[in-house]
Amino acid sequence: MAEGGDSRIAILAALGANTGIMIAKFVGAFITGSSAMLAEAVHSVADTGNEALLLLGRKRADQPPDTLHPFGYSRNRYFYSFVVALVLFTMGCLFAVNEAIHKIRFPEQLDSPSVAIVILLVSMVLEGASFRTARKQSAPLKGKQSWWHFIRHTRNPELPVVLLEDAGALIGLVFALAGVGLTMLTGNAVWDGVGTLLIGVLLGCNAIVLIVETKSLLIGEGATTTDDTVIRAALLADARIVRVVRMQTQYLGPTDLLVNAKIAMRPGLDIAEVGAVVEAAGGRIRRAAPVVCAVYLEPDVVRPENAGAPS
């Protein structure tokens, strides 16, 4: 098994990095008066809170099934990831844009901008370390697909959040560094506001992507193409199953896939044989796709007029 794939490690790495960065940025914003630095500090507050929410979601998801939620609480991970996307948009994007508009309209010169530059450079190092951890943990799940495809199609809600947060933080730091640097070079504090505005737009774009993707997971997504193919192959591995009439799947959580299928069986089987076929098929599905948590199979009999119908 490839190393990685544990979103908890990526979350903890991001939480540690963002906590330290947040404190440093607030100190830098207080000393320099830089709106870009303040926007980045609020960005880090949002990121730190987001990591805490993701950990809370994982903890809530581990609750055992009960009468109210017979399939368990795994979907908590999708819900809290959706909340994170909303927090990133409201607390990060809207604050930064509002701060940028004020700074551009009423520019103020920076005090000790070199302090801001040092803090931003150190923050880049810490964010880079967090981003590398997120990439390492995502790599086994990503496989050979592109990173964009992974973010759009993975059923793991936390890793795309951490990846986009860290990538957005690194790009945001570049914008903040450019805003502070240009303000130092030109003496025009408007550049600090421009850098802040770019940070706000970046956070908004990240948040919209996450909102769209986590909403899709929250309302229920089916099996991936790979899982679908594997499950159908497992069903048809028994010659007594002629075809899959209908199959419906849904991820109840990142590692909990529900499978419901109607299967056409060879005529002439008695009740005991039908039961044996169904039980064996469920076992094959679980071995072929360990992510499957529940299998419901509805047997049907192939009628002579449909015997040649394709599966």
Protein backbone atom coordinates (compact mmCIF):
# COMPACT_ATOMS: atom_id res chain seq x y z
CA MET A 1 0.00 0.00 0.00
CA ALA A 2 1.27 3.44 -0.91
CA GLU A 3 2.08 5.78 1.94
CA GLY A 4 -0.28 8.63 2.53
CA GLY A 5 -3.99 9.03 1.98
CA ASP A 6 -4.63 10.13 5.60
CA SER A 7 -6.42 13.47 5.58
CA ARG A 8 -6.01 13.77 9.37
CA ILE A 9 -2.23 14.18 8.98
CA ALA A 10 -2.71 16.89 6.35
CA ILE A 11 -5.24 18.69 8.55
CA LEU A 12 -2.99 18.63 11.63
CA ALA A 13 -0.01 19.88 9.60
CA ALA A 14 -2.08 22.74 8.22
CA LEU A 15 -3.50 23.55 11.68
CA GLY A 16 -0.03 23.80 13.23
CA ALA A 17 1.35 25.93 10.39
CA ASN A 18 -1.65 28.27 10.23
CA THR A 19 -1.71 28.88 13.98
CA GLY A 20 1.89 30.08 14.00
CA ILE A 21 1.46 32.05 10.79
CA MET A 22 -1.73 33.71 12.06
CA ILE A 23 0.00 35.06 15.18
CA ALA A 24 2.97 36.33 13.18
CA LYS A 25 0.75 38.06 10.61
CA PHE A 26 -1.31 39.86 13.23
CA VAL A 27 1.89 41.11 14.87
CA GLY A 28 3.15 42.24 11.46
CA ALA A 29 -0.15 43.95 10.60
CA PHE A 30 -0.12 45.79 13.95
CA ILE A 31 3.48 46.98 13.47
CA THR A 32 3.24 47.96 9.78
CA GLY A 33 -0.41 48.94 9.31
CA SER A 34 -0.47 46.91 6.08
CA SER A 35 -3.98 45.99 4.89
CA ALA A 36 -2.52 43.14 2.83
CA MET A 37 -0.87 41.78 5.95
CA LEU A 38 -4.14 42.18 7.90
CA ALA A 39 -6.08 40.41 5.13
CA GLU A 40 -3.57 37.59 5.23
CA ALA A 41 -3.89 37.42 9.03
CA VAL A 42 -7.67 37.07 8.73
CA HIS A 43 -7.09 34.52 5.97
CA SER A 44 -5.01 32.52 8.45
CA VAL A 45 -7.72 32.87 11.12
CA ALA A 46 -10.21 31.40 8.66
CA ASP A 47 -7.80 28.60 7.72
CA THR A 48 -7.06 27.77 11.38
CA GLY A 49 -10.74 27.65 12.22
CA ASN A 50 -11.39 25.57 9.12
CA GLU A 51 -8.87 22.92 10.16
CA ALA A 52 -10.54 22.73 13.58
CA LEU A 53 -13.93 22.27 11.87
CA LEU A 54 -12.54 19.51 9.65
CA LEU A 55 -11.22 17.66 12.71
CA LEU A 56 -14.59 18.09 14.42
CA GLY A 57 -16.30 16.68 11.33
CA ARG A 58 -14.06 13.61 11.38
CA LYS A 59 -14.79 13.07 15.08
CA ARG A 60 -18.56 13.39 14.58
CA ALA A 61 -18.37 11.00 11.62
CA ASP A 62 -16.94 8.26 13.86
CA GLN A 63 -20.14 8.00 15.90
CA PRO A 64 -21.69 4.51 15.64
CA PRO A 65 -24.99 4.01 13.76
CA ASP A 66 -28.18 4.40 15.78
CA THR A 67 -31.94 4.29 15.24
CA LEU A 68 -32.04 7.86 13.94
CA HIS A 69 -29.06 7.38 11.59
CA PRO A 70 -28.94 3.65 10.73
CA PHE A 71 -26.18 4.19 8.16
CA GLY A 72 -24.01 6.10 10.59
CA TYR A 73 -22.72 9.65 10.67
CA SER A 74 -20.05 9.58 7.94
CA ARG A 75 -21.71 12.40 6.04
CA ASN A 76 -20.66 14.76 8.84
CA ARG A 77 -17.34 15.00 7.01
CA TYR A 78 -19.13 16.41 3.97
CA PHE A 79 -21.23 18.81 6.06
CA TYR A 80 -18.29 20.31 7.94
CA SER A 81 -16.29 20.65 4.71
CA PHE A 82 -19.21 22.61 3.27
CA VAL A 83 -19.24 24.85 6.35
CA VAL A 84 -15.49 25.41 5.86
CA ALA A 85 -16.10 26.58 2.30
CA LEU A 86 -18.70 29.08 3.51
CA VAL A 87 -16.39 30.35 6.26
CA LEU A 88 -13.56 30.78 3.74
CA PHE A 89 -15.85 32.84 1.52
CA THR A 90 -17.48 35.04 4.16
CA MET A 91 -14.65 35.52 6.64
CA GLY A 92 -11.77 35.47 4.18
CA CYS A 93 -12.98 36.77 0.83
CA LEU A 94 -15.51 39.41 1.92
CA PHE A 95 -13.28 40.84 4.66
CA ALA A 96 -10.29 41.12 2.31
CA VAL A 97 -12.32 42.79 -0.46
CA ASN A 98 -13.85 45.25 2.00
CA GLU A 99 -10.43 46.05 3.46
CA ALA A 100 -8.96 46.46 -0.04
CA ILE A 101 -11.63 48.93 -1.13
CA HIS A 102 -11.03 51.04 1.98
CA LYS A 103 -7.23 50.93 1.49
CA ILE A 104 -7.42 51.88 -2.19
CA ARG A 105 -9.79 54.78 -1.46
CA PHE A 106 -7.83 56.00 1.56
CA PRO A 107 -4.23 54.79 1.20
CA GLU A 108 -1.99 54.94 4.27
CA GLN A 109 1.79 54.63 4.29
CA LEU A 110 3.27 51.52 5.91
CA ASP A 111 5.39 51.55 9.04
CA SER A 112 8.43 49.22 9.07
CA PRO A 113 7.44 47.38 5.85
CA SER A 114 10.63 45.30 6.11
CA VAL A 115 9.06 43.57 9.13
CA ALA A 116 6.09 42.57 6.97
CA ILE A 117 8.37 41.18 4.28
CA VAL A 118 10.28 39.02 6.78
CA ILE A 119 7.04 37.66 8.24
CA LEU A 120 5.64 36.94 4.78
CA LEU A 121 8.77 35.06 3.74
CA VAL A 122 8.73 32.95 6.91
CA SER A 123 5.02 32.29 6.35
CA MET A 124 5.79 31.04 2.84
CA VAL A 125 8.21 28.48 4.25
CA LEU A 126 5.65 27.21 6.78
CA GLU A 127 2.79 27.15 4.25
CA GLY A 128 5.05 25.35 1.78
CA ALA A 129 5.73 22.63 4.35
CA SER A 130 2.00 22.24 5.01
CA PHE A 131 1.26 22.13 1.27
CA ARG A 132 3.88 19.40 0.72
CA THR A 133 2.26 17.33 3.47
CA ALA A 134 -1.18 17.74 1.87
CA ARG A 135 0.22 16.72 -1.53
CA LYS A 136 1.91 13.65 -0.03
CA GLN A 137 -1.27 12.50 1.68
CA SER A 138 -3.33 13.14 -1.47
CA ALA A 139 -0.95 11.40 -3.89
CA PRO A 140 -2.13 7.79 -3.26
CA LEU A 141 -5.76 8.81 -3.86
CA LYS A 142 -4.88 11.01 -6.83
CA GLY A 143 -3.03 8.29 -8.74
CA LYS A 144 -2.29 9.27 -12.34
CA GLN A 145 -5.10 11.78 -12.70
CA SER A 146 -4.47 15.52 -12.70
CA TRP A 147 -4.71 17.52 -9.50
CA TRP A 148 -7.73 19.40 -10.83
CA HIS A 149 -9.46 16.10 -11.66
CA PHE A 150 -8.66 14.83 -8.16
CA ILE A 151 -10.14 17.93 -6.51
CA ARG A 152 -13.28 17.70 -8.69
CA HIS A 153 -13.91 13.96 -8.37
CA THR A 154 -12.46 12.63 -5.11
CA ARG A 155 -14.97 11.47 -2.50
CA ASN A 156 -12.60 12.56 0.31
CA PRO A 157 -13.82 16.02 1.36
CA GLU A 158 -10.92 17.18 3.55
CA LEU A 159 -7.91 16.77 1.27
CA PRO A 160 -9.21 19.09 -1.50
CA VAL A 161 -10.04 21.67 1.18
CA VAL A 162 -6.53 21.56 2.66
CA LEU A 163 -4.89 21.51 -0.77
CA LEU A 164 -6.82 24.56 -1.99
CA GLU A 165 -6.35 26.36 1.33
CA ASP A 166 -2.59 25.84 1.28
CA ALA A 167 -2.23 26.64 -2.40
CA GLY A 168 -4.40 29.73 -1.94
CA ALA A 169 -2.37 30.76 1.10
CA LEU A 170 0.90 30.51 -0.85
CA ILE A 171 -0.47 32.54 -3.76
CA GLY A 172 -2.01 35.02 -1.32
CA LEU A 173 1.36 35.48 0.35
CA VAL A 174 2.87 36.27 -3.04
CA PHE A 175 0.14 38.89 -3.60
CA ALA A 176 0.75 40.37 -0.14
CA LEU A 177 4.52 40.41 -0.71
CA ALA A 178 4.02 42.12 -4.06
CA GLY A 179 1.68 44.71 -2.55
CA VAL A 180 4.05 45.55 0.30
CA GLY A 181 7.10 45.46 -1.97
CA LEU A 182 5.58 47.79 -4.58
CA THR A 183 4.46 50.14 -1.84
CA MET A 184 8.05 50.31 -0.60
CA LEU A 185 9.47 50.83 -4.09
CA THR A 186 6.97 53.41 -5.33
CA GLY A 187 5.93 55.09 -2.10
CA ASN A 188 2.32 54.61 -3.23
CA ALA A 189 0.26 52.76 -0.58
CA VAL A 190 -2.46 51.96 -3.13
CA TRP A 191 -0.42 48.91 -4.13
CA ASP A 192 -0.96 47.48 -0.66
CA GLY A 193 -4.70 47.75 -1.27
CA VAL A 194 -4.36 46.14 -4.70
CA GLY A 195 -2.53 43.19 -3.14
CA THR A 196 -5.33 42.90 -0.58
CA LEU A 197 -7.96 42.90 -3.34
CA LEU A 198 -6.18 40.11 -5.21
CA ILE A 199 -6.12 38.06 -1.99
CA GLY A 200 -9.87 38.55 -1.60
CA VAL A 201 -10.59 37.50 -5.19
CA LEU A 202 -8.37 34.44 -4.79
CA LEU A 203 -10.17 33.39 -1.59
CA GLY A 204 -13.51 33.87 -3.30
CA CYS A 205 -12.52 31.64 -6.23
CA ASN A 206 -11.25 28.91 -3.88
CA ALA A 207 -14.40 29.11 -1.79
CA ILE A 208 -16.72 28.84 -4.80
CA VAL A 209 -14.91 25.71 -6.07
CA LEU A 210 -15.15 24.12 -2.61
CA ILE A 211 -18.81 25.09 -2.16
CA VAL A 212 -19.76 23.51 -5.50
CA GLU A 213 -17.81 20.30 -4.88
CA THR A 214 -18.79 19.75 -1.24
CA LYS A 215 -22.44 20.51 -2.03
CA SER A 216 -22.38 17.73 -4.62
CA LEU A 217 -20.92 15.33 -2.05
CA LEU A 218 -23.36 16.46 0.63
CA ILE A 219 -26.48 15.73 -1.42
CA GLY A 220 -25.07 12.35 -2.50
CA GLU A 221 -22.71 11.20 -5.26
CA GLY A 222 -22.61 7.74 -6.81
CA ALA A 223 -19.68 5.40 -7.29
CA THR A 224 -16.71 6.50 -9.33
CA THR A 225 -16.31 5.03 -12.81
CA THR A 226 -13.65 2.65 -11.48
CA ASP A 227 -15.81 1.49 -8.56
CA ASP A 228 -18.82 1.05 -10.84
CA THR A 229 -16.85 -1.14 -13.26
CA VAL A 230 -15.37 -3.24 -10.47
CA ILE A 231 -18.75 -3.82 -8.81
CA ARG A 232 -20.45 -4.84 -12.07
CA ALA A 233 -17.60 -7.22 -12.85
CA ALA A 234 -17.92 -8.79 -9.39
CA LEU A 235 -21.64 -9.33 -9.93
CA LEU A 236 -21.23 -10.93 -13.34
CA ALA A 237 -18.37 -13.18 -12.20
CA ASP A 238 -21.02 -15.81 -11.38
CA ALA A 239 -22.45 -17.45 -14.51
CA ARG A 240 -25.82 -17.77 -12.77
CA ILE A 241 -26.14 -13.95 -12.89
CA VAL A 242 -27.02 -13.16 -16.50
CA ARG A 243 -26.95 -9.37 -16.32
CA VAL A 244 -27.26 -6.33 -14.10
CA VAL A 245 -30.72 -4.92 -14.76
CA ARG A 246 -30.24 -1.81 -12.64
CA MET A 247 -27.63 -0.55 -10.20
CA GLN A 248 -27.77 2.49 -7.92
CA THR A 249 -24.91 3.59 -5.69
CA GLN A 250 -24.30 6.42 -3.26
CA TYR A 251 -21.43 7.47 -1.03
CA LEU A 252 -22.73 7.86 2.52
CA GLY A 253 -19.24 9.05 3.49
CA PRO A 254 -15.72 9.02 2.00
CA THR A 255 -15.27 5.31 2.83
CA ASP A 256 -18.90 4.15 2.91
CA LEU A 257 -20.50 3.21 -0.41
CA LEU A 258 -24.07 1.90 -0.58
CA VAL A 259 -24.89 -0.48 -3.45
CA ASN A 260 -28.42 -1.36 -4.55
CA ALA A 261 -28.80 -3.56 -7.64
CA LYS A 262 -31.38 -5.64 -9.46
CA ILE A 263 -29.78 -8.71 -11.02
CA ALA A 264 -31.26 -11.07 -13.59
CA MET A 265 -30.60 -14.73 -12.80
CA ARG A 266 -30.63 -17.87 -14.91
CA PRO A 267 -34.08 -19.57 -14.98
CA GLY A 268 -34.59 -22.75 -13.00
CA LEU A 269 -32.84 -21.79 -9.77
CA ASP A 270 -34.64 -22.71 -6.58
CA ILE A 271 -34.95 -20.41 -3.56
CA ALA A 272 -31.90 -21.86 -1.82
CA GLU A 273 -29.74 -21.35 -4.91
CA VAL A 274 -30.99 -17.78 -5.34
CA GLY A 275 -30.06 -17.02 -1.73
CA ALA A 276 -26.62 -18.56 -2.20
CA VAL A 277 -26.02 -16.52 -5.38
CA VAL A 278 -27.04 -13.28 -3.67
CA GLU A 279 -24.87 -13.95 -0.61
CA ALA A 280 -21.84 -14.88 -2.74
CA ALA A 281 -22.31 -11.80 -4.93
CA GLY A 282 -22.33 -9.52 -1.87
CA GLY A 283 -19.09 -11.07 -0.66
CA ARG A 284 -17.41 -10.63 -4.05
CA ILE A 285 -18.46 -6.98 -4.18
CA ARG A 286 -17.00 -6.23 -0.76
CA ARG A 287 -13.72 -7.96 -1.61
CA ALA A 288 -13.44 -6.19 -4.96
CA ALA A 289 -14.42 -2.77 -3.56
CA PRO A 290 -13.61 -2.54 0.19
CA VAL A 291 -15.22 0.91 0.29
CA VAL A 292 -18.66 -0.76 0.01
CA CYS A 293 -20.44 -0.73 3.38
CA ALA A 294 -23.86 -2.11 2.45
CA VAL A 295 -25.15 -4.25 -0.45
CA TYR A 296 -28.80 -4.77 -1.34
CA LEU A 297 -29.46 -7.14 -4.23
CA GLU A 298 -32.87 -7.74 -5.79
CA PRO A 299 -32.97 -11.00 -7.78
CA ASP A 300 -34.97 -11.26 -11.00
CA VAL A 301 -35.50 -14.13 -13.42
CA VAL A 302 -34.52 -13.91 -17.08
CA ARG A 303 -37.58 -14.39 -19.22
CA PRO A 304 -37.25 -16.24 -22.51
CA GLU A 305 -38.12 -13.15 -24.60
CA ASN A 306 -35.33 -11.18 -22.85
CA ALA A 307 -32.72 -13.90 -22.72
CA GLY A 308 -30.57 -12.28 -25.38
CA ALA A 309 -30.80 -8.75 -24.02
CA PRO A 310 -27.44 -7.07 -23.35
CA SER A 311 -26.29 -6.43 -19.76
